[in-house]
Amino acid sequence: PLALLLFAMLGLGLALPFLAIGFVPAIRERLP
């Protein structure tokens, strides 16, 4: 269970920039 938690956190880190764009309006406003 702890090992799978680390793999999940790895995936979350990989997706974090994209997730931030979806939930932070200030970042989206800078996109075309």
PDB file of all heavy atoms in Angstrom:
ATOM      1  N   PRO A   1       0.816  -1.230   0.000  1.00  0.00           N
ATOM      2  CA  PRO A   1       0.000   0.000   0.000  1.00  0.00           C
ATOM      3  C   PRO A   1       0.844   1.272   0.000  1.00  0.00           C
ATOM      4  O   PRO A   1       0.527   2.232  -0.713  1.00  0.00           O
ATOM      5  CB  PRO A   1      -0.826  -0.136   1.288  1.00  0.00           C
ATOM      6  CG  PRO A   1      -0.875  -1.603   1.560  1.00  0.00           C
ATOM      7  CD  PRO A   1       0.453  -2.124   1.112  1.00  0.00           C
ATOM      8  N   LEU A   2       1.919   1.289   0.780  1.00  0.00           N
ATOM      9  CA  LEU A   2       2.771   2.482   0.820  1.00  0.00           C
ATOM     10  C   LEU A   2       3.531   2.648  -0.493  1.00  0.00           C
ATOM     11  O   LEU A   2       3.744   3.779  -0.961  1.00  0.00           O
ATOM     12  CB  LEU A   2       3.751   2.383   1.992  1.00  0.00           C
ATOM     13  CG  LEU A   2       3.127   2.390   3.394  1.00  0.00           C
ATOM     14  CD1 LEU A   2       4.204   2.295   4.454  1.00  0.00           C
ATOM     15  CD2 LEU A   2       2.276   3.628   3.599  1.00  0.00           C
ATOM     16  N   ALA A   3       3.946   1.527  -1.081  1.00  0.00           N
ATOM     17  CA  ALA A   3       4.647   1.608  -2.367  1.00  0.00           C
ATOM     18  C   ALA A   3       3.732   2.186  -3.442  1.00  0.00           C
ATOM     19  O   ALA A   3       4.135   3.052  -4.227  1.00  0.00           O
ATOM     20  CB  ALA A   3       5.149   0.224  -2.774  1.00  0.00           C
ATOM     21  N   LEU A   4       2.490   1.718  -3.485  1.00  0.00           N
ATOM     22  CA  LEU A   4       1.544   2.247  -4.475  1.00  0.00           C
ATOM     23  C   LEU A   4       1.248   3.726  -4.227  1.00  0.00           C
ATOM     24  O   LEU A   4       1.002   4.489  -5.173  1.00  0.00           O
ATOM     25  CB  LEU A   4       0.249   1.434  -4.444  1.00  0.00           C
ATOM     26  CG  LEU A   4       0.375  -0.025  -4.910  1.00  0.00           C
ATOM     27  CD1 LEU A   4      -0.964  -0.738  -4.796  1.00  0.00           C
ATOM     28  CD2 LEU A   4       0.895  -0.100  -6.343  1.00  0.00           C
ATOM     29  N   LEU A   5       1.283   4.136  -2.951  1.00  0.00           N
ATOM     30  CA  LEU A   5       1.098   5.554  -2.639  1.00  0.00           C
ATOM     31  C   LEU A   5       2.211   6.389  -3.268  1.00  0.00           C
ATOM     32  O   LEU A   5       1.960   7.475  -3.810  1.00  0.00           O
ATOM     33  CB  LEU A   5       1.074   5.756  -1.125  1.00  0.00           C
ATOM     34  CG  LEU A   5       1.031   7.217  -0.633  1.00  0.00           C
ATOM     35  CD1 LEU A   5      -0.234   7.911  -1.127  1.00  0.00           C
ATOM     36  CD2 LEU A   5       1.127   7.267   0.891  1.00  0.00           C
ATOM     37  N   LEU A   6       3.450   5.888  -3.234  1.00  0.00           N
ATOM     38  CA  LEU A   6       4.559   6.611  -3.851  1.00  0.00           C
ATOM     39  C   LEU A   6       4.387   6.704  -5.364  1.00  0.00           C
ATOM     40  O   LEU A   6       4.661   7.752  -5.965  1.00  0.00           O
ATOM     41  CB  LEU A   6       5.890   5.926  -3.511  1.00  0.00           C
ATOM     42  CG  LEU A   6       6.334   5.982  -2.049  1.00  0.00           C
ATOM     43  CD1 LEU A   6       7.698   5.334  -1.890  1.00  0.00           C
ATOM     44  CD2 LEU A   6       6.375   7.415  -1.544  1.00  0.00           C
ATOM     45  N   PHE A   7       3.929   5.629  -5.986  1.00  0.00           N
ATOM     46  CA  PHE A   7       3.697   5.673  -7.434  1.00  0.00           C
ATOM     47  C   PHE A   7       2.578   6.660  -7.773  1.00  0.00           C
ATOM     48  O   PHE A   7       2.648   7.362  -8.790  1.00  0.00           O
ATOM     49  CB  PHE A   7       3.348   4.274  -7.955  1.00  0.00           C
ATOM     50  CG  PHE A   7       4.516   3.328  -7.960  1.00  0.00           C
ATOM     51  CD1 PHE A   7       4.494   2.169  -7.205  1.00  0.00           C
ATOM     52  CD2 PHE A   7       5.646   3.603  -8.719  1.00  0.00           C
ATOM     53  CE1 PHE A   7       5.564   1.297  -7.203  1.00  0.00           C
ATOM     54  CE2 PHE A   7       6.721   2.729  -8.722  1.00  0.00           C
ATOM     55  CZ  PHE A   7       6.683   1.581  -7.963  1.00  0.00           C
ATOM     56  N   ALA A   8       1.551   6.708  -6.933  1.00  0.00           N
ATOM     57  CA  ALA A   8       0.462   7.665  -7.161  1.00  0.00           C
ATOM     58  C   ALA A   8       0.967   9.098  -7.032  1.00  0.00           C
ATOM     59  O   ALA A   8       0.592   9.978  -7.817  1.00  0.00           O
ATOM     60  CB  ALA A   8      -0.676   7.406  -6.174  1.00  0.00           C
ATOM     61  N   MET A   9       1.835   9.363  -6.054  1.00  0.00           N
ATOM     62  CA  MET A   9       2.383  10.707  -5.884  1.00  0.00           C
ATOM     63  C   MET A   9       3.290  11.074  -7.053  1.00  0.00           C
ATOM     64  O   MET A   9       3.354  12.241  -7.467  1.00  0.00           O
ATOM     65  CB  MET A   9       3.149  10.799  -4.573  1.00  0.00           C
ATOM     66  CG  MET A   9       2.286  10.616  -3.337  1.00  0.00           C
ATOM     67  SD  MET A   9       0.860  11.737  -3.286  1.00  0.00           S
ATOM     68  CE  MET A   9       1.686  13.319  -3.182  1.00  0.00           C
ATOM     69  N   LEU A  10       3.990  10.095  -7.603  1.00  0.00           N
ATOM     70  CA  LEU A  10       4.795  10.343  -8.798  1.00  0.00           C
ATOM     71  C   LEU A  10       3.899  10.796  -9.949  1.00  0.00           C
ATOM     72  O   LEU A  10       4.208  11.766 -10.664  1.00  0.00           O
ATOM     73  CB  LEU A  10       5.553   9.068  -9.179  1.00  0.00           C
ATOM     74  CG  LEU A  10       6.323   9.107 -10.499  1.00  0.00           C
ATOM     75  CD1 LEU A  10       7.476  10.098 -10.416  1.00  0.00           C
ATOM     76  CD2 LEU A  10       6.842   7.709 -10.854  1.00  0.00           C
ATOM     77  N   GLY A  11       2.766  10.092 -10.147  1.00  0.00           N
ATOM     78  CA  GLY A  11       1.827  10.485 -11.197  1.00  0.00           C
ATOM     79  C   GLY A  11       1.216  11.847 -10.947  1.00  0.00           C
ATOM     80  O   GLY A  11       1.049  12.648 -11.880  1.00  0.00           O
ATOM     81  N   LEU A  12       0.904  12.131  -9.671  1.00  0.00           N
ATOM     82  CA  LEU A  12       0.343  13.443  -9.349  1.00  0.00           C
ATOM     83  C   LEU A  12       1.331  14.557  -9.665  1.00  0.00           C
ATOM     84  O   LEU A  12       0.948  15.612 -10.199  1.00  0.00           O
ATOM     85  CB  LEU A  12      -0.058  13.489  -7.875  1.00  0.00           C
ATOM     86  CG  LEU A  12      -0.664  14.806  -7.382  1.00  0.00           C
ATOM     87  CD1 LEU A  12      -1.941  15.127  -8.153  1.00  0.00           C
ATOM     88  CD2 LEU A  12      -0.933  14.740  -5.880  1.00  0.00           C
ATOM     89  N   GLY A  13       2.613  14.320  -9.360  1.00  0.00           N
ATOM     90  CA  GLY A  13       3.624  15.326  -9.687  1.00  0.00           C
ATOM     91  C   GLY A  13       3.741  15.547 -11.178  1.00  0.00           C
ATOM     92  O   GLY A  13       3.886  16.689 -11.645  1.00  0.00           O
ATOM     93  N   LEU A  14       3.659  14.464 -11.953  1.00  0.00           N
ATOM     94  CA  LEU A  14       3.744  14.576 -13.406  1.00  0.00           C
ATOM     95  C   LEU A  14       2.561  15.365 -13.977  1.00  0.00           C
ATOM     96  O   LEU A  14       2.707  16.127 -14.932  1.00  0.00           O
ATOM     97  CB  LEU A  14       3.790  13.167 -14.014  1.00  0.00           C
ATOM     98  CG  LEU A  14       3.906  13.061 -15.536  1.00  0.00           C
ATOM     99  CD1 LEU A  14       5.174  13.731 -16.035  1.00  0.00           C
ATOM    100  CD2 LEU A  14       3.876  11.589 -15.963  1.00  0.00           C
ATOM    101  N   ALA A  15       1.393  15.182 -13.374  1.00  0.00           N
ATOM    102  CA  ALA A  15       0.191  15.850 -13.881  1.00  0.00           C
ATOM    103  C   ALA A  15      -0.053  17.209 -13.242  1.00  0.00           C
ATOM    104  O   ALA A  15      -0.979  17.923 -13.658  1.00  0.00           O
ATOM    105  CB  ALA A  15      -1.029  14.956 -13.639  1.00  0.00           C
ATOM    106  N   LEU A  16       0.749  17.577 -12.245  1.00  0.00           N
ATOM    107  CA  LEU A  16       0.460  18.778 -11.462  1.00  0.00           C
ATOM    108  C   LEU A  16       0.377  20.066 -12.290  1.00  0.00           C
ATOM    109  O   LEU A  16      -0.544  20.875 -12.070  1.00  0.00           O
ATOM    110  CB  LEU A  16       1.507  18.927 -10.356  1.00  0.00           C
ATOM    111  CG  LEU A  16       1.146  19.857  -9.193  1.00  0.00           C
ATOM    112  CD1 LEU A  16      -0.159  19.422  -8.548  1.00  0.00           C
ATOM    113  CD2 LEU A  16       2.272  19.858  -8.159  1.00  0.00           C
ATOM    114  N   PRO A  17       1.293  20.324 -13.239  1.00  0.00           N
ATOM    115  CA  PRO A  17       1.160  21.567 -14.017  1.00  0.00           C
ATOM    116  C   PRO A  17      -0.167  21.647 -14.766  1.00  0.00           C
ATOM    117  O   PRO A  17      -0.810  22.698 -14.800  1.00  0.00           O
ATOM    118  CB  PRO A  17       2.352  21.502 -14.985  1.00  0.00           C
ATOM    119  CG  PRO A  17       3.339  20.612 -14.316  1.00  0.00           C
ATOM    120  CD  PRO A  17       2.522  19.593 -13.599  1.00  0.00           C
ATOM    121  N   PHE A  18      -0.570  20.534 -15.378  1.00  0.00           N
ATOM    122  CA  PHE A  18      -1.825  20.514 -16.122  1.00  0.00           C
ATOM    123  C   PHE A  18      -3.019  20.705 -15.194  1.00  0.00           C
ATOM    124  O   PHE A  18      -3.982  21.409 -15.509  1.00  0.00           O
ATOM    125  CB  PHE A  18      -1.923  19.185 -16.864  1.00  0.00           C
ATOM    126  CG  PHE A  18      -2.884  19.211 -18.004  1.00  0.00           C
ATOM    127  CD1 PHE A  18      -2.474  19.618 -19.258  1.00  0.00           C
ATOM    128  CD2 PHE A  18      -4.198  18.825 -17.826  1.00  0.00           C
ATOM    129  CE1 PHE A  18      -3.370  19.639 -20.311  1.00  0.00           C
ATOM    130  CE2 PHE A  18      -5.093  18.845 -18.878  1.00  0.00           C
ATOM    131  CZ  PHE A  18      -4.668  19.253 -20.127  1.00  0.00           C
ATOM    132  N   LEU A  19      -2.931  20.074 -14.006  1.00  0.00           N
ATOM    133  CA  LEU A  19      -4.006  20.214 -13.034  1.00  0.00           C
ATOM    134  C   LEU A  19      -4.108  21.657 -12.546  1.00  0.00           C
ATOM    135  O   LEU A  19      -5.217  22.179 -12.345  1.00  0.00           O
ATOM    136  CB  LEU A  19      -3.758  19.269 -11.858  1.00  0.00           C
ATOM    137  CG  LEU A  19      -4.876  19.126 -10.827  1.00  0.00           C
ATOM    138  CD1 LEU A  19      -6.123  18.537 -11.462  1.00  0.00           C
ATOM    139  CD2 LEU A  19      -4.407  18.260  -9.661  1.00  0.00           C
ATOM    140  N   ALA A  20      -2.957  22.300 -12.352  1.00  0.00           N
ATOM    141  CA  ALA A  20      -2.959  23.698 -11.908  1.00  0.00           C
ATOM    142  C   ALA A  20      -3.621  24.604 -12.942  1.00  0.00           C
ATOM    143  O   ALA A  20      -4.357  25.534 -12.594  1.00  0.00           O
ATOM    144  CB  ALA A  20      -1.525  24.156 -11.639  1.00  0.00           C
ATOM    145  N   ILE A  21      -3.370  24.339 -14.223  1.00  0.00           N
ATOM    146  CA  ILE A  21      -3.995  25.143 -15.276  1.00  0.00           C
ATOM    147  C   ILE A  21      -5.510  25.008 -15.232  1.00  0.00           C
ATOM    148  O   ILE A  21      -6.254  25.971 -15.424  1.00  0.00           O
ATOM    149  CB  ILE A  21      -3.444  24.732 -16.649  1.00  0.00           C
ATOM    150  CG1 ILE A  21      -1.995  25.184 -16.778  1.00  0.00           C
ATOM    151  CG2 ILE A  21      -4.287  25.302 -17.774  1.00  0.00           C
ATOM    152  CD1 ILE A  21      -1.313  24.693 -18.017  1.00  0.00           C
ATOM    153  N   GLY A  22      -5.987  23.794 -14.934  1.00  0.00           N
ATOM    154  CA  GLY A  22      -7.428  23.576 -14.900  1.00  0.00           C
ATOM    155  C   GLY A  22      -8.106  24.258 -13.731  1.00  0.00           C
ATOM    156  O   GLY A  22      -9.281  24.615 -13.815  1.00  0.00           O
ATOM    157  N   PHE A  23      -7.385  24.478 -12.608  1.00  0.00           N
ATOM    158  CA  PHE A  23      -8.031  24.983 -11.403  1.00  0.00           C
ATOM    159  C   PHE A  23      -7.570  26.378 -10.986  1.00  0.00           C
ATOM    160  O   PHE A  23      -8.121  26.933 -10.037  1.00  0.00           O
ATOM    161  CB  PHE A  23      -7.789  24.004 -10.244  1.00  0.00           C
ATOM    162  CG  PHE A  23      -8.684  22.803 -10.276  1.00  0.00           C
ATOM    163  CD1 PHE A  23      -8.380  21.713 -11.090  1.00  0.00           C
ATOM    164  CD2 PHE A  23      -9.841  22.756  -9.518  1.00  0.00           C
ATOM    165  CE1 PHE A  23      -9.206  20.607 -11.124  1.00  0.00           C
ATOM    166  CE2 PHE A  23     -10.669  21.652  -9.548  1.00  0.00           C
ATOM    167  CZ  PHE A  23     -10.364  20.569 -10.362  1.00  0.00           C
ATOM    168  N   VAL A  24      -6.580  26.931 -11.657  1.00  0.00           N
ATOM    169  CA  VAL A  24      -6.103  28.274 -11.302  1.00  0.00           C
ATOM    170  C   VAL A  24      -6.427  29.217 -12.458  1.00  0.00           C
ATOM    171  O   VAL A  24      -5.761  29.194 -13.503  1.00  0.00           O
ATOM    172  CB  VAL A  24      -4.590  28.270 -11.011  1.00  0.00           C
ATOM    173  CG1 VAL A  24      -4.127  29.679 -10.641  1.00  0.00           C
ATOM    174  CG2 VAL A  24      -4.266  27.287  -9.890  1.00  0.00           C
ATOM    175  N   PRO A  25      -7.430  30.061 -12.307  1.00  0.00           N
ATOM    176  CA  PRO A  25      -7.836  30.947 -13.410  1.00  0.00           C
ATOM    177  C   PRO A  25      -6.711  31.862 -13.886  1.00  0.00           C
ATOM    178  O   PRO A  25      -6.628  32.161 -15.081  1.00  0.00           O
ATOM    179  CB  PRO A  25      -8.985  31.755 -12.794  1.00  0.00           C
ATOM    180  CG  PRO A  25      -9.513  30.889 -11.696  1.00  0.00           C
ATOM    181  CD  PRO A  25      -8.333  30.170 -11.147  1.00  0.00           C
ATOM    182  N   ALA A  26      -5.857  32.324 -12.964  1.00  0.00           N
ATOM    183  CA  ALA A  26      -4.786  33.247 -13.348  1.00  0.00           C
ATOM    184  C   ALA A  26      -3.851  32.621 -14.377  1.00  0.00           C
ATOM    185  O   ALA A  26      -3.325  33.312 -15.258  1.00  0.00           O
ATOM    186  CB  ALA A  26      -4.004  33.683 -12.113  1.00  0.00           C
ATOM    187  N   ILE A  27      -3.631  31.318 -14.256  1.00  0.00           N
ATOM    188  CA  ILE A  27      -2.761  30.638 -15.225  1.00  0.00           C
ATOM    189  C   ILE A  27      -3.488  30.483 -16.556  1.00  0.00           C
ATOM    190  O   ILE A  27      -2.911  30.699 -17.631  1.00  0.00           O
ATOM    191  CB  ILE A  27      -2.323  29.265 -14.686  1.00  0.00           C
ATOM    192  CG1 ILE A  27      -1.542  29.436 -13.370  1.00  0.00           C
ATOM    193  CG2 ILE A  27      -1.471  28.530 -15.718  1.00  0.00           C
ATOM    194  CD1 ILE A  27      -1.105  28.125 -12.751  1.00  0.00           C
ATOM    195  N   ARG A  28      -4.776  30.130 -16.503  1.00  0.00           N
ATOM    196  CA  ARG A  28      -5.530  29.934 -17.738  1.00  0.00           C
ATOM    197  C   ARG A  28      -5.650  31.231 -18.532  1.00  0.00           C
ATOM    198  O   ARG A  28      -5.688  31.224 -19.759  1.00  0.00           O
ATOM    199  CB  ARG A  28      -6.928  29.392 -17.431  1.00  0.00           C
ATOM    200  CG  ARG A  28      -6.942  27.967 -16.940  1.00  0.00           C
ATOM    201  CD  ARG A  28      -8.320  27.359 -17.115  1.00  0.00           C
ATOM    202  NE  ARG A  28      -9.374  28.201 -16.562  1.00  0.00           N
ATOM    203  CZ  ARG A  28      -9.745  28.169 -15.279  1.00  0.00           C
ATOM    204  NH1 ARG A  28      -9.120  27.353 -14.444  1.00  0.00           N
ATOM    205  NH2 ARG A  28     -10.726  28.946 -14.852  1.00  0.00           N
ATOM    206  N   GLU A  29      -5.740  32.344 -17.821  1.00  0.00           N
ATOM    207  CA  GLU A  29      -5.902  33.626 -18.513  1.00  0.00           C
ATOM    208  C   GLU A  29      -4.705  33.976 -19.383  1.00  0.00           C
ATOM    209  O   GLU A  29      -4.819  34.792 -20.303  1.00  0.00           O
ATOM    210  CB  GLU A  29      -6.150  34.729 -17.485  1.00  0.00           C
ATOM    211  CG  GLU A  29      -7.520  34.629 -16.805  1.00  0.00           C
ATOM    212  CD  GLU A  29      -7.676  35.629 -15.683  1.00  0.00           C
ATOM    213  OE1 GLU A  29      -6.692  36.382 -15.435  1.00  0.00           O
ATOM    214  OE2 GLU A  29      -8.753  35.662 -15.047  1.00  0.00           O
ATOM    215  N   ARG A  30      -3.567  33.393 -19.059  1.00  0.00           N
ATOM    216  CA  ARG A  30      -2.359  33.679 -19.834  1.00  0.00           C
ATOM    217  C   ARG A  30      -2.248  32.791 -21.077  1.00  0.00           C
ATOM    218  O   ARG A  30      -1.342  32.978 -21.895  1.00  0.00           O
ATOM    219  CB  ARG A  30      -1.119  33.490 -18.967  1.00  0.00           C
ATOM    220  CG  ARG A  30      -1.047  34.483 -17.804  1.00  0.00           C
ATOM    221  CD  ARG A  30       0.208  34.259 -16.985  1.00  0.00           C
ATOM    222  NE  ARG A  30       0.314  35.228 -15.905  1.00  0.00           N
ATOM    223  CZ  ARG A  30       0.871  36.429 -16.011  1.00  0.00           C
ATOM    224  NH1 ARG A  30       1.390  36.813 -17.172  1.00  0.00           N
ATOM    225  NH2 ARG A  30       0.921  37.256 -14.978  1.00  0.00           N
ATOM    226  N   LEU A  31      -3.142  31.803 -21.191  1.00  0.00           N
ATOM    227  CA  LEU A  31      -3.112  30.914 -22.345  1.00  0.00           C
ATOM    228  C   LEU A  31      -3.901  31.530 -23.501  1.00  0.00           C
ATOM    229  O   LEU A  31      -4.889  32.241 -23.278  1.00  0.00           O
ATOM    230  CB  LEU A  31      -3.710  29.553 -21.986  1.00  0.00           C
ATOM    231  CG  LEU A  31      -2.964  28.731 -20.934  1.00  0.00           C
ATOM    232  CD1 LEU A  31      -3.742  27.466 -20.619  1.00  0.00           C
ATOM    233  CD2 LEU A  31      -1.557  28.390 -21.404  1.00  0.00           C
ATOM    234  N   PRO A  32      -3.489  31.246 -24.733  1.00  0.00           N
ATOM    235  CA  PRO A  32      -4.253  31.767 -25.884  1.00  0.00           C
ATOM    236  C   PRO A  32      -5.634  31.126 -25.959  1.00  0.00           C
ATOM    237  O   PRO A  32      -5.827  29.976 -25.577  1.00  0.00           O
ATOM    238  CB  PRO A  32      -3.384  31.361 -27.082  1.00  0.00           C
ATOM    239  CG  PRO A  32      -2.555  30.211 -26.597  1.00  0.00           C
ATOM    240  CD  PRO A  32      -2.303  30.468 -25.147  1.00  0.00           C
TER     241      PRO A  32
END
